[in-house]
Amino acid sequence: LTPEMSLVGYPPEDLLLRHSFYAKVAE
């Protein structure tokens, strides 16, 4: 069990509004 948002760090704030961010997360 890893923590909340462990892959991206928390809180990522307005990075979450960028579509390119989700593309990198999926990758």
mmCIF file of all heavy atoms, coordinates in Angstrom:
data_MODEL
# 
_entry.id   MODEL 
# 
loop_
_atom_site.group_PDB 
_atom_site.id 
_atom_site.type_symbol 
_atom_site.label_atom_id 
_atom_site.label_alt_id 
_atom_site.label_comp_id 
_atom_site.label_asym_id 
_atom_site.label_entity_id 
_atom_site.label_seq_id 
_atom_site.pdbx_PDB_ins_code 
_atom_site.Cartn_x 
_atom_site.Cartn_y 
_atom_site.Cartn_z 
_atom_site.occupancy 
_atom_site.B_iso_or_equiv 
_atom_site.pdbx_formal_charge 
_atom_site.auth_seq_id 
_atom_site.auth_comp_id 
_atom_site.auth_asym_id 
_atom_site.auth_atom_id 
_atom_site.pdbx_PDB_model_num 
ATOM 1   N N   . LEU A 1 1  ? 0.844  -1.195 0.000   1.00 0.00 ? 1  LEU A N   1 
ATOM 2   C CA  . LEU A 1 1  ? 0.000  0.000  0.000   1.00 0.00 ? 1  LEU A CA  1 
ATOM 3   C C   . LEU A 1 1  ? 0.877  1.242  0.000   1.00 0.00 ? 1  LEU A C   1 
ATOM 4   O O   . LEU A 1 1  ? 1.665  1.456  0.928   1.00 0.00 ? 1  LEU A O   1 
ATOM 5   C CB  . LEU A 1 1  ? -0.912 0.008  1.224   1.00 0.00 ? 1  LEU A CB  1 
ATOM 6   C CG  . LEU A 1 1  ? -1.846 1.214  1.385   1.00 0.00 ? 1  LEU A CG  1 
ATOM 7   C CD1 . LEU A 1 1  ? -2.823 1.321  0.210   1.00 0.00 ? 1  LEU A CD1 1 
ATOM 8   C CD2 . LEU A 1 1  ? -2.612 1.135  2.707   1.00 0.00 ? 1  LEU A CD2 1 
ATOM 9   N N   . THR A 1 2  ? 0.753  2.059  -1.041  1.00 0.00 ? 2  THR A N   1 
ATOM 10  C CA  . THR A 1 2  ? 1.480  3.332  -1.107  1.00 0.00 ? 2  THR A CA  1 
ATOM 11  C C   . THR A 1 2  ? 0.511  4.475  -0.798  1.00 0.00 ? 2  THR A C   1 
ATOM 12  O O   . THR A 1 2  ? -0.712 4.304  -0.850  1.00 0.00 ? 2  THR A O   1 
ATOM 13  C CB  . THR A 1 2  ? 2.112  3.550  -2.492  1.00 0.00 ? 2  THR A CB  1 
ATOM 14  O OG1 . THR A 1 2  ? 1.082  3.793  -3.458  1.00 0.00 ? 2  THR A OG1 1 
ATOM 15  C CG2 . THR A 1 2  ? 2.944  2.355  -2.903  1.00 0.00 ? 2  THR A CG2 1 
ATOM 16  N N   . PRO A 1 3  ? 1.007  5.663  -0.476  1.00 0.00 ? 3  PRO A N   1 
ATOM 17  C CA  . PRO A 1 3  ? 0.135  6.768  -0.083  1.00 0.00 ? 3  PRO A CA  1 
ATOM 18  C C   . PRO A 1 3  ? -0.646 7.383  -1.246  1.00 0.00 ? 3  PRO A C   1 
ATOM 19  O O   . PRO A 1 3  ? -0.472 7.025  -2.414  1.00 0.00 ? 3  PRO A O   1 
ATOM 20  C CB  . PRO A 1 3  ? 1.116  7.794  0.508   1.00 0.00 ? 3  PRO A CB  1 
ATOM 21  C CG  . PRO A 1 3  ? 2.334  7.013  0.866   1.00 0.00 ? 3  PRO A CG  1 
ATOM 22  C CD  . PRO A 1 3  ? 2.417  5.945  -0.175  1.00 0.00 ? 3  PRO A CD  1 
ATOM 23  N N   . GLU A 1 4  ? -1.487 8.325  -0.914  1.00 0.00 ? 4  GLU A N   1 
ATOM 24  C CA  . GLU A 1 4  ? -2.285 9.071  -1.886  1.00 0.00 ? 4  GLU A CA  1 
ATOM 25  C C   . GLU A 1 4  ? -1.373 9.798  -2.878  1.00 0.00 ? 4  GLU A C   1 
ATOM 26  O O   . GLU A 1 4  ? -0.381 10.404 -2.490  1.00 0.00 ? 4  GLU A O   1 
ATOM 27  C CB  . GLU A 1 4  ? -3.151 10.085 -1.140  1.00 0.00 ? 4  GLU A CB  1 
ATOM 28  C CG  . GLU A 1 4  ? -4.090 10.899 -2.012  1.00 0.00 ? 4  GLU A CG  1 
ATOM 29  C CD  . GLU A 1 4  ? -5.019 11.801 -1.206  1.00 0.00 ? 4  GLU A CD  1 
ATOM 30  O OE1 . GLU A 1 4  ? -4.762 11.976 0.011   1.00 0.00 ? 4  GLU A OE1 1 
ATOM 31  O OE2 . GLU A 1 4  ? -5.983 12.321 -1.770  1.00 0.00 ? 4  GLU A OE2 1 
ATOM 32  N N   . MET A 1 5  ? -1.704 9.713  -4.156  1.00 0.00 ? 5  MET A N   1 
ATOM 33  C CA  . MET A 1 5  ? -0.958 10.400 -5.209  1.00 0.00 ? 5  MET A CA  1 
ATOM 34  C C   . MET A 1 5  ? 0.542  10.065 -5.169  1.00 0.00 ? 5  MET A C   1 
ATOM 35  O O   . MET A 1 5  ? 1.392  10.888 -5.522  1.00 0.00 ? 5  MET A O   1 
ATOM 36  C CB  . MET A 1 5  ? -1.147 11.916 -5.114  1.00 0.00 ? 5  MET A CB  1 
ATOM 37  C CG  . MET A 1 5  ? -2.540 12.377 -5.441  1.00 0.00 ? 5  MET A CG  1 
ATOM 38  S SD  . MET A 1 5  ? -2.831 12.367 -7.214  1.00 0.00 ? 5  MET A SD  1 
ATOM 39  C CE  . MET A 1 5  ? -4.572 12.713 -7.271  1.00 0.00 ? 5  MET A CE  1 
ATOM 40  N N   . SER A 1 6  ? 0.851  8.844  -4.789  1.00 0.00 ? 6  SER A N   1 
ATOM 41  C CA  . SER A 1 6  ? 2.261  8.470  -4.632  1.00 0.00 ? 6  SER A CA  1 
ATOM 42  C C   . SER A 1 6  ? 3.058  8.585  -5.924  1.00 0.00 ? 6  SER A C   1 
ATOM 43  O O   . SER A 1 6  ? 4.261  8.859  -5.896  1.00 0.00 ? 6  SER A O   1 
ATOM 44  C CB  . SER A 1 6  ? 2.385  7.052  -4.073  1.00 0.00 ? 6  SER A CB  1 
ATOM 45  O OG  . SER A 1 6  ? 1.661  6.130  -4.875  1.00 0.00 ? 6  SER A OG  1 
ATOM 46  N N   . LEU A 1 7  ? 2.406  8.404  -7.059  1.00 0.00 ? 7  LEU A N   1 
ATOM 47  C CA  . LEU A 1 7  ? 3.129  8.469  -8.326  1.00 0.00 ? 7  LEU A CA  1 
ATOM 48  C C   . LEU A 1 7  ? 3.461  9.893  -8.748  1.00 0.00 ? 7  LEU A C   1 
ATOM 49  O O   . LEU A 1 7  ? 4.435  10.105 -9.473  1.00 0.00 ? 7  LEU A O   1 
ATOM 50  C CB  . LEU A 1 7  ? 2.297  7.783  -9.430  1.00 0.00 ? 7  LEU A CB  1 
ATOM 51  C CG  . LEU A 1 7  ? 2.930  7.675  -10.814 1.00 0.00 ? 7  LEU A CG  1 
ATOM 52  C CD1 . LEU A 1 7  ? 4.263  6.923  -10.761 1.00 0.00 ? 7  LEU A CD1 1 
ATOM 53  C CD2 . LEU A 1 7  ? 1.980  7.009  -11.795 1.00 0.00 ? 7  LEU A CD2 1 
ATOM 54  N N   . VAL A 1 8  ? 2.679  10.876 -8.293  1.00 0.00 ? 8  VAL A N   1 
ATOM 55  C CA  . VAL A 1 8  ? 2.877  12.255 -8.766  1.00 0.00 ? 8  VAL A CA  1 
ATOM 56  C C   . VAL A 1 8  ? 3.258  13.225 -7.661  1.00 0.00 ? 8  VAL A C   1 
ATOM 57  O O   . VAL A 1 8  ? 3.646  14.358 -7.936  1.00 0.00 ? 8  VAL A O   1 
ATOM 58  C CB  . VAL A 1 8  ? 1.615  12.780 -9.481  1.00 0.00 ? 8  VAL A CB  1 
ATOM 59  C CG1 . VAL A 1 8  ? 1.249  11.885 -10.641 1.00 0.00 ? 8  VAL A CG1 1 
ATOM 60  C CG2 . VAL A 1 8  ? 0.439  12.946 -8.533  1.00 0.00 ? 8  VAL A CG2 1 
ATOM 61  N N   . GLY A 1 9  ? 3.171  12.807 -6.394  1.00 0.00 ? 9  GLY A N   1 
ATOM 62  C CA  . GLY A 1 9  ? 3.374  13.732 -5.292  1.00 0.00 ? 9  GLY A CA  1 
ATOM 63  C C   . GLY A 1 9  ? 2.087  14.470 -4.961  1.00 0.00 ? 9  GLY A C   1 
ATOM 64  O O   . GLY A 1 9  ? 1.170  14.555 -5.792  1.00 0.00 ? 9  GLY A O   1 
ATOM 65  N N   . TYR A 1 10 ? 2.023  14.992 -3.737  1.00 0.00 ? 10 TYR A N   1 
ATOM 66  C CA  . TYR A 1 10 ? 0.772  15.620 -3.297  1.00 0.00 ? 10 TYR A CA  1 
ATOM 67  C C   . TYR A 1 10 ? 1.057  16.865 -2.475  1.00 0.00 ? 10 TYR A C   1 
ATOM 68  O O   . TYR A 1 10 ? 1.971  16.843 -1.662  1.00 0.00 ? 10 TYR A O   1 
ATOM 69  C CB  . TYR A 1 10 ? -0.030 14.622 -2.461  1.00 0.00 ? 10 TYR A CB  1 
ATOM 70  C CG  . TYR A 1 10 ? -1.420 15.095 -2.132  1.00 0.00 ? 10 TYR A CG  1 
ATOM 71  C CD1 . TYR A 1 10 ? -2.443 15.050 -3.081  1.00 0.00 ? 10 TYR A CD1 1 
ATOM 72  C CD2 . TYR A 1 10 ? -1.716 15.609 -0.875  1.00 0.00 ? 10 TYR A CD2 1 
ATOM 73  C CE1 . TYR A 1 10 ? -3.725 15.483 -2.781  1.00 0.00 ? 10 TYR A CE1 1 
ATOM 74  C CE2 . TYR A 1 10 ? -2.993 16.057 -0.570  1.00 0.00 ? 10 TYR A CE2 1 
ATOM 75  C CZ  . TYR A 1 10 ? -3.988 15.989 -1.517  1.00 0.00 ? 10 TYR A CZ  1 
ATOM 76  O OH  . TYR A 1 10 ? -5.254 16.437 -1.227  1.00 0.00 ? 10 TYR A OH  1 
ATOM 77  N N   . PRO A 1 11 ? 0.281  17.951 -2.704  1.00 0.00 ? 11 PRO A N   1 
ATOM 78  C CA  . PRO A 1 11 ? -0.739 18.134 -3.738  1.00 0.00 ? 11 PRO A CA  1 
ATOM 79  C C   . PRO A 1 11 ? -0.134 18.709 -5.024  1.00 0.00 ? 11 PRO A C   1 
ATOM 80  O O   . PRO A 1 11 ? 0.658  19.652 -4.966  1.00 0.00 ? 11 PRO A O   1 
ATOM 81  C CB  . PRO A 1 11 ? -1.692 19.146 -3.096  1.00 0.00 ? 11 PRO A CB  1 
ATOM 82  C CG  . PRO A 1 11 ? -0.818 19.978 -2.197  1.00 0.00 ? 11 PRO A CG  1 
ATOM 83  C CD  . PRO A 1 11 ? 0.274  19.066 -1.712  1.00 0.00 ? 11 PRO A CD  1 
ATOM 84  N N   . PRO A 1 12 ? -0.529 18.198 -6.185  1.00 0.00 ? 12 PRO A N   1 
ATOM 85  C CA  . PRO A 1 12 ? 0.018  18.715 -7.433  1.00 0.00 ? 12 PRO A CA  1 
ATOM 86  C C   . PRO A 1 12 ? -0.626 20.012 -7.901  1.00 0.00 ? 12 PRO A C   1 
ATOM 87  O O   . PRO A 1 12 ? -0.191 20.596 -8.898  1.00 0.00 ? 12 PRO A O   1 
ATOM 88  C CB  . PRO A 1 12 ? -0.247 17.587 -8.445  1.00 0.00 ? 12 PRO A CB  1 
ATOM 89  C CG  . PRO A 1 12 ? -1.272 16.720 -7.842  1.00 0.00 ? 12 PRO A CG  1 
ATOM 90  C CD  . PRO A 1 12 ? -1.325 16.991 -6.374  1.00 0.00 ? 12 PRO A CD  1 
ATOM 91  N N   . GLU A 1 13 ? -1.667 20.447 -7.215  1.00 0.00 ? 13 GLU A N   1 
ATOM 92  C CA  . GLU A 1 13 ? -2.328 21.727 -7.473  1.00 0.00 ? 13 GLU A CA  1 
ATOM 93  C C   . GLU A 1 13 ? -2.659 21.898 -8.964  1.00 0.00 ? 13 GLU A C   1 
ATOM 94  O O   . GLU A 1 13 ? -3.193 20.985 -9.586  1.00 0.00 ? 13 GLU A O   1 
ATOM 95  C CB  . GLU A 1 13 ? -1.482 22.868 -6.902  1.00 0.00 ? 13 GLU A CB  1 
ATOM 96  C CG  . GLU A 1 13 ? -1.313 22.729 -5.392  1.00 0.00 ? 13 GLU A CG  1 
ATOM 97  C CD  . GLU A 1 13 ? -0.587 23.888 -4.755  1.00 0.00 ? 13 GLU A CD  1 
ATOM 98  O OE1 . GLU A 1 13 ? 0.660  23.930 -4.828  1.00 0.00 ? 13 GLU A OE1 1 
ATOM 99  O OE2 . GLU A 1 13 ? -1.263 24.736 -4.155  1.00 0.00 ? 13 GLU A OE2 1 
ATOM 100 N N   . ASP A 1 14 ? -2.339 23.038 -9.556  1.00 0.00 ? 14 ASP A N   1 
ATOM 101 C CA  . ASP A 1 14 ? -2.829 23.319 -10.913 1.00 0.00 ? 14 ASP A CA  1 
ATOM 102 C C   . ASP A 1 14 ? -2.123 22.525 -12.009 1.00 0.00 ? 14 ASP A C   1 
ATOM 103 O O   . ASP A 1 14 ? -2.511 22.629 -13.186 1.00 0.00 ? 14 ASP A O   1 
ATOM 104 C CB  . ASP A 1 14 ? -2.745 24.821 -11.223 1.00 0.00 ? 14 ASP A CB  1 
ATOM 105 C CG  . ASP A 1 14 ? -3.918 25.585 -10.629 1.00 0.00 ? 14 ASP A CG  1 
ATOM 106 O OD1 . ASP A 1 14 ? -4.666 24.996 -9.820  1.00 0.00 ? 14 ASP A OD1 1 
ATOM 107 O OD2 . ASP A 1 14 ? -4.092 26.775 -10.950 1.00 0.00 ? 14 ASP A OD2 1 
ATOM 108 N N   . LEU A 1 15 ? -1.139 21.705 -11.656 1.00 0.00 ? 15 LEU A N   1 
ATOM 109 C CA  . LEU A 1 15 ? -0.660 20.724 -12.635 1.00 0.00 ? 15 LEU A CA  1 
ATOM 110 C C   . LEU A 1 15 ? -1.820 19.835 -13.072 1.00 0.00 ? 15 LEU A C   1 
ATOM 111 O O   . LEU A 1 15 ? -1.840 19.318 -14.194 1.00 0.00 ? 15 LEU A O   1 
ATOM 112 C CB  . LEU A 1 15 ? 0.451  19.858 -12.037 1.00 0.00 ? 15 LEU A CB  1 
ATOM 113 C CG  . LEU A 1 15 ? 1.796  20.529 -11.769 1.00 0.00 ? 15 LEU A CG  1 
ATOM 114 C CD1 . LEU A 1 15 ? 2.730  19.566 -11.040 1.00 0.00 ? 15 LEU A CD1 1 
ATOM 115 C CD2 . LEU A 1 15 ? 2.437  21.007 -13.067 1.00 0.00 ? 15 LEU A CD2 1 
ATOM 116 N N   . LEU A 1 16 ? -2.786 19.668 -12.174 1.00 0.00 ? 16 LEU A N   1 
ATOM 117 C CA  . LEU A 1 16 ? -3.932 18.818 -12.461 1.00 0.00 ? 16 LEU A CA  1 
ATOM 118 C C   . LEU A 1 16 ? -4.864 19.395 -13.523 1.00 0.00 ? 16 LEU A C   1 
ATOM 119 O O   . LEU A 1 16 ? -5.775 18.712 -13.989 1.00 0.00 ? 16 LEU A O   1 
ATOM 120 C CB  . LEU A 1 16 ? -4.727 18.569 -11.172 1.00 0.00 ? 16 LEU A CB  1 
ATOM 121 C CG  . LEU A 1 16 ? -3.999 17.728 -10.114 1.00 0.00 ? 16 LEU A CG  1 
ATOM 122 C CD1 . LEU A 1 16 ? -4.678 17.856 -8.765  1.00 0.00 ? 16 LEU A CD1 1 
ATOM 123 C CD2 . LEU A 1 16 ? -3.930 16.263 -10.547 1.00 0.00 ? 16 LEU A CD2 1 
ATOM 124 N N   . LEU A 1 17 ? -4.638 20.645 -13.910 1.00 0.00 ? 17 LEU A N   1 
ATOM 125 C CA  . LEU A 1 17 ? -5.461 21.263 -14.945 1.00 0.00 ? 17 LEU A CA  1 
ATOM 126 C C   . LEU A 1 17 ? -4.848 21.118 -16.338 1.00 0.00 ? 17 LEU A C   1 
ATOM 127 O O   . LEU A 1 17 ? -5.447 21.553 -17.328 1.00 0.00 ? 17 LEU A O   1 
ATOM 128 C CB  . LEU A 1 17 ? -5.672 22.746 -14.624 1.00 0.00 ? 17 LEU A CB  1 
ATOM 129 C CG  . LEU A 1 17 ? -6.324 23.057 -13.267 1.00 0.00 ? 17 LEU A CG  1 
ATOM 130 C CD1 . LEU A 1 17 ? -6.452 24.563 -13.076 1.00 0.00 ? 17 LEU A CD1 1 
ATOM 131 C CD2 . LEU A 1 17 ? -7.677 22.377 -13.135 1.00 0.00 ? 17 LEU A CD2 1 
ATOM 132 N N   . ARG A 1 18 ? -3.662 20.516 -16.414 1.00 0.00 ? 18 ARG A N   1 
ATOM 133 C CA  . ARG A 1 18 ? -2.953 20.404 -17.679 1.00 0.00 ? 18 ARG A CA  1 
ATOM 134 C C   . ARG A 1 18 ? -3.121 18.990 -18.270 1.00 0.00 ? 18 ARG A C   1 
ATOM 135 O O   . ARG A 1 18 ? -2.765 17.994 -17.634 1.00 0.00 ? 18 ARG A O   1 
ATOM 136 C CB  . ARG A 1 18 ? -1.458 20.705 -17.503 1.00 0.00 ? 18 ARG A CB  1 
ATOM 137 C CG  . ARG A 1 18 ? -1.184 22.069 -16.869 1.00 0.00 ? 18 ARG A CG  1 
ATOM 138 C CD  . ARG A 1 18 ? 0.290  22.416 -16.921 1.00 0.00 ? 18 ARG A CD  1 
ATOM 139 N NE  . ARG A 1 18 ? 0.724  22.682 -18.283 1.00 0.00 ? 18 ARG A NE  1 
ATOM 140 C CZ  . ARG A 1 18 ? 0.619  23.862 -18.883 1.00 0.00 ? 18 ARG A CZ  1 
ATOM 141 N NH1 . ARG A 1 18 ? 0.063  24.876 -18.254 1.00 0.00 ? 18 ARG A NH1 1 
ATOM 142 N NH2 . ARG A 1 18 ? 1.037  24.026 -20.123 1.00 0.00 ? 18 ARG A NH2 1 
ATOM 143 N N   . HIS A 1 19 ? -3.610 18.909 -19.495 1.00 0.00 ? 19 HIS A N   1 
ATOM 144 C CA  . HIS A 1 19 ? -3.789 17.611 -20.144 1.00 0.00 ? 19 HIS A CA  1 
ATOM 145 C C   . HIS A 1 19 ? -2.452 16.897 -20.331 1.00 0.00 ? 19 HIS A C   1 
ATOM 146 O O   . HIS A 1 19 ? -2.380 15.663 -20.256 1.00 0.00 ? 19 HIS A O   1 
ATOM 147 C CB  . HIS A 1 19 ? -4.494 17.783 -21.499 1.00 0.00 ? 19 HIS A CB  1 
ATOM 148 C CG  . HIS A 1 19 ? -5.977 17.959 -21.363 1.00 0.00 ? 19 HIS A CG  1 
ATOM 149 N ND1 . HIS A 1 19 ? -6.881 17.029 -21.795 1.00 0.00 ? 19 HIS A ND1 1 
ATOM 150 C CD2 . HIS A 1 19 ? -6.706 18.962 -20.811 1.00 0.00 ? 19 HIS A CD2 1 
ATOM 151 C CE1 . HIS A 1 19 ? -8.114 17.434 -21.543 1.00 0.00 ? 19 HIS A CE1 1 
ATOM 152 N NE2 . HIS A 1 19 ? -8.030 18.619 -20.948 1.00 0.00 ? 19 HIS A NE2 1 
ATOM 153 N N   . SER A 1 20 ? -1.398 17.654 -20.566 1.00 0.00 ? 20 SER A N   1 
ATOM 154 C CA  . SER A 1 20 ? -0.082 17.042 -20.757 1.00 0.00 ? 20 SER A CA  1 
ATOM 155 C C   . SER A 1 20 ? 0.389  16.312 -19.498 1.00 0.00 ? 20 SER A C   1 
ATOM 156 O O   . SER A 1 20 ? 1.137  15.328 -19.579 1.00 0.00 ? 20 SER A O   1 
ATOM 157 C CB  . SER A 1 20 ? 0.943  18.102 -21.159 1.00 0.00 ? 20 SER A CB  1 
ATOM 158 O OG  . SER A 1 20 ? 1.051  19.114 -20.166 1.00 0.00 ? 20 SER A OG  1 
ATOM 159 N N   . PHE A 1 21 ? -0.065 16.775 -18.348 1.00 0.00 ? 21 PHE A N   1 
ATOM 160 C CA  . PHE A 1 21 ? 0.294  16.130 -17.084 1.00 0.00 ? 21 PHE A CA  1 
ATOM 161 C C   . PHE A 1 21 ? -0.280 14.715 -17.047 1.00 0.00 ? 21 PHE A C   1 
ATOM 162 O O   . PHE A 1 21 ? 0.425  13.755 -16.691 1.00 0.00 ? 21 PHE A O   1 
ATOM 163 C CB  . PHE A 1 21 ? -0.223 16.967 -15.921 1.00 0.00 ? 21 PHE A CB  1 
ATOM 164 C CG  . PHE A 1 21 ? 0.189  16.479 -14.557 1.00 0.00 ? 21 PHE A CG  1 
ATOM 165 C CD1 . PHE A 1 21 ? 1.522  16.439 -14.182 1.00 0.00 ? 21 PHE A CD1 1 
ATOM 166 C CD2 . PHE A 1 21 ? -0.765 16.071 -13.636 1.00 0.00 ? 21 PHE A CD2 1 
ATOM 167 C CE1 . PHE A 1 21 ? 1.904  16.007 -12.923 1.00 0.00 ? 21 PHE A CE1 1 
ATOM 168 C CE2 . PHE A 1 21 ? -0.396 15.638 -12.375 1.00 0.00 ? 21 PHE A CE2 1 
ATOM 169 C CZ  . PHE A 1 21 ? 0.938  15.603 -12.023 1.00 0.00 ? 21 PHE A CZ  1 
ATOM 170 N N   . TYR A 1 22 ? -1.543 14.572 -17.421 1.00 0.00 ? 22 TYR A N   1 
ATOM 171 C CA  . TYR A 1 22 ? -2.174 13.251 -17.395 1.00 0.00 ? 22 TYR A CA  1 
ATOM 172 C C   . TYR A 1 22 ? -1.533 12.309 -18.407 1.00 0.00 ? 22 TYR A C   1 
ATOM 173 O O   . TYR A 1 22 ? -1.423 11.094 -18.161 1.00 0.00 ? 22 TYR A O   1 
ATOM 174 C CB  . TYR A 1 22 ? -3.677 13.378 -17.651 1.00 0.00 ? 22 TYR A CB  1 
ATOM 175 C CG  . TYR A 1 22 ? -4.386 14.083 -16.531 1.00 0.00 ? 22 TYR A CG  1 
ATOM 176 C CD1 . TYR A 1 22 ? -4.528 15.467 -16.547 1.00 0.00 ? 22 TYR A CD1 1 
ATOM 177 C CD2 . TYR A 1 22 ? -4.884 13.381 -15.435 1.00 0.00 ? 22 TYR A CD2 1 
ATOM 178 C CE1 . TYR A 1 22 ? -5.156 16.133 -15.510 1.00 0.00 ? 22 TYR A CE1 1 
ATOM 179 C CE2 . TYR A 1 22 ? -5.508 14.036 -14.390 1.00 0.00 ? 22 TYR A CE2 1 
ATOM 180 C CZ  . TYR A 1 22 ? -5.641 15.412 -14.425 1.00 0.00 ? 22 TYR A CZ  1 
ATOM 181 O OH  . TYR A 1 22 ? -6.248 16.068 -13.385 1.00 0.00 ? 22 TYR A OH  1 
ATOM 182 N N   . ALA A 1 23 ? -1.109 12.850 -19.528 1.00 0.00 ? 23 ALA A N   1 
ATOM 183 C CA  . ALA A 1 23 ? -0.438 12.010 -20.522 1.00 0.00 ? 23 ALA A CA  1 
ATOM 184 C C   . ALA A 1 23 ? 0.854  11.436 -19.948 1.00 0.00 ? 23 ALA A C   1 
ATOM 185 O O   . ALA A 1 23 ? 1.149  10.239 -20.125 1.00 0.00 ? 23 ALA A O   1 
ATOM 186 C CB  . ALA A 1 23 ? -0.155 12.830 -21.780 1.00 0.00 ? 23 ALA A CB  1 
ATOM 187 N N   . LYS A 1 24 ? 1.628  12.274 -19.246 1.00 0.00 ? 24 LYS A N   1 
ATOM 188 C CA  . LYS A 1 24 ? 2.871  11.807 -18.632 1.00 0.00 ? 24 LYS A CA  1 
ATOM 189 C C   . LYS A 1 24 ? 2.591  10.816 -17.502 1.00 0.00 ? 24 LYS A C   1 
ATOM 190 O O   . LYS A 1 24 ? 3.327  9.835  -17.319 1.00 0.00 ? 24 LYS A O   1 
ATOM 191 C CB  . LYS A 1 24 ? 3.669  12.995 -18.102 1.00 0.00 ? 24 LYS A CB  1 
ATOM 192 C CG  . LYS A 1 24 ? 4.253  13.893 -19.178 1.00 0.00 ? 24 LYS A CG  1 
ATOM 193 C CD  . LYS A 1 24 ? 5.382  13.204 -19.939 1.00 0.00 ? 24 LYS A CD  1 
ATOM 194 C CE  . LYS A 1 24 ? 6.054  14.153 -20.919 1.00 0.00 ? 24 LYS A CE  1 
ATOM 195 N NZ  . LYS A 1 24 ? 7.132  13.474 -21.677 1.00 0.00 ? 24 LYS A NZ  1 
ATOM 196 N N   . VAL A 1 25 ? 1.534  11.076 -16.722 1.00 0.00 ? 25 VAL A N   1 
ATOM 197 C CA  . VAL A 1 25 ? 1.171  10.164 -15.639 1.00 0.00 ? 25 VAL A CA  1 
ATOM 198 C C   . VAL A 1 25 ? 0.814  8.795  -16.215 1.00 0.00 ? 25 VAL A C   1 
ATOM 199 O O   . VAL A 1 25 ? 1.267  7.756  -15.704 1.00 0.00 ? 25 VAL A O   1 
ATOM 200 C CB  . VAL A 1 25 ? -0.006 10.736 -14.819 1.00 0.00 ? 25 VAL A CB  1 
ATOM 201 C CG1 . VAL A 1 25 ? -0.523 9.688  -13.824 1.00 0.00 ? 25 VAL A CG1 1 
ATOM 202 C CG2 . VAL A 1 25 ? 0.417  11.991 -14.073 1.00 0.00 ? 25 VAL A CG2 1 
ATOM 203 N N   . ALA A 1 26 ? 0.005  8.777  -17.271 1.00 0.00 ? 26 ALA A N   1 
ATOM 204 C CA  . ALA A 1 26 ? -0.383 7.499  -17.894 1.00 0.00 ? 26 ALA A CA  1 
ATOM 205 C C   . ALA A 1 26 ? 0.838  6.741  -18.403 1.00 0.00 ? 26 ALA A C   1 
ATOM 206 O O   . ALA A 1 26 ? 0.943  5.516  -18.260 1.00 0.00 ? 26 ALA A O   1 
ATOM 207 C CB  . ALA A 1 26 ? -1.372 7.762  -19.031 1.00 0.00 ? 26 ALA A CB  1 
ATOM 208 N N   . GLU A 1 27 ? 1.764  7.484  -18.972 1.00 0.00 ? 27 GLU A N   1 
ATOM 209 C CA  . GLU A 1 27 ? 2.993  6.862  -19.500 1.00 0.00 ? 27 GLU A CA  1 
ATOM 210 C C   . GLU A 1 27 ? 3.792  6.220  -18.373 1.00 0.00 ? 27 GLU A C   1 
ATOM 211 O O   . GLU A 1 27 ? 4.262  5.076  -18.488 1.00 0.00 ? 27 GLU A O   1 
ATOM 212 C CB  . GLU A 1 27 ? 3.818  7.945  -20.196 1.00 0.00 ? 27 GLU A CB  1 
ATOM 213 C CG  . GLU A 1 27 ? 5.165  7.521  -20.695 1.00 0.00 ? 27 GLU A CG  1 
ATOM 214 C CD  . GLU A 1 27 ? 5.939  8.706  -21.254 1.00 0.00 ? 27 GLU A CD  1 
ATOM 215 O OE1 . GLU A 1 27 ? 5.518  9.243  -22.303 1.00 0.00 ? 27 GLU A OE1 1 
ATOM 216 O OE2 . GLU A 1 27 ? 6.939  9.107  -20.627 1.00 0.00 ? 27 GLU A OE2 1 
# 
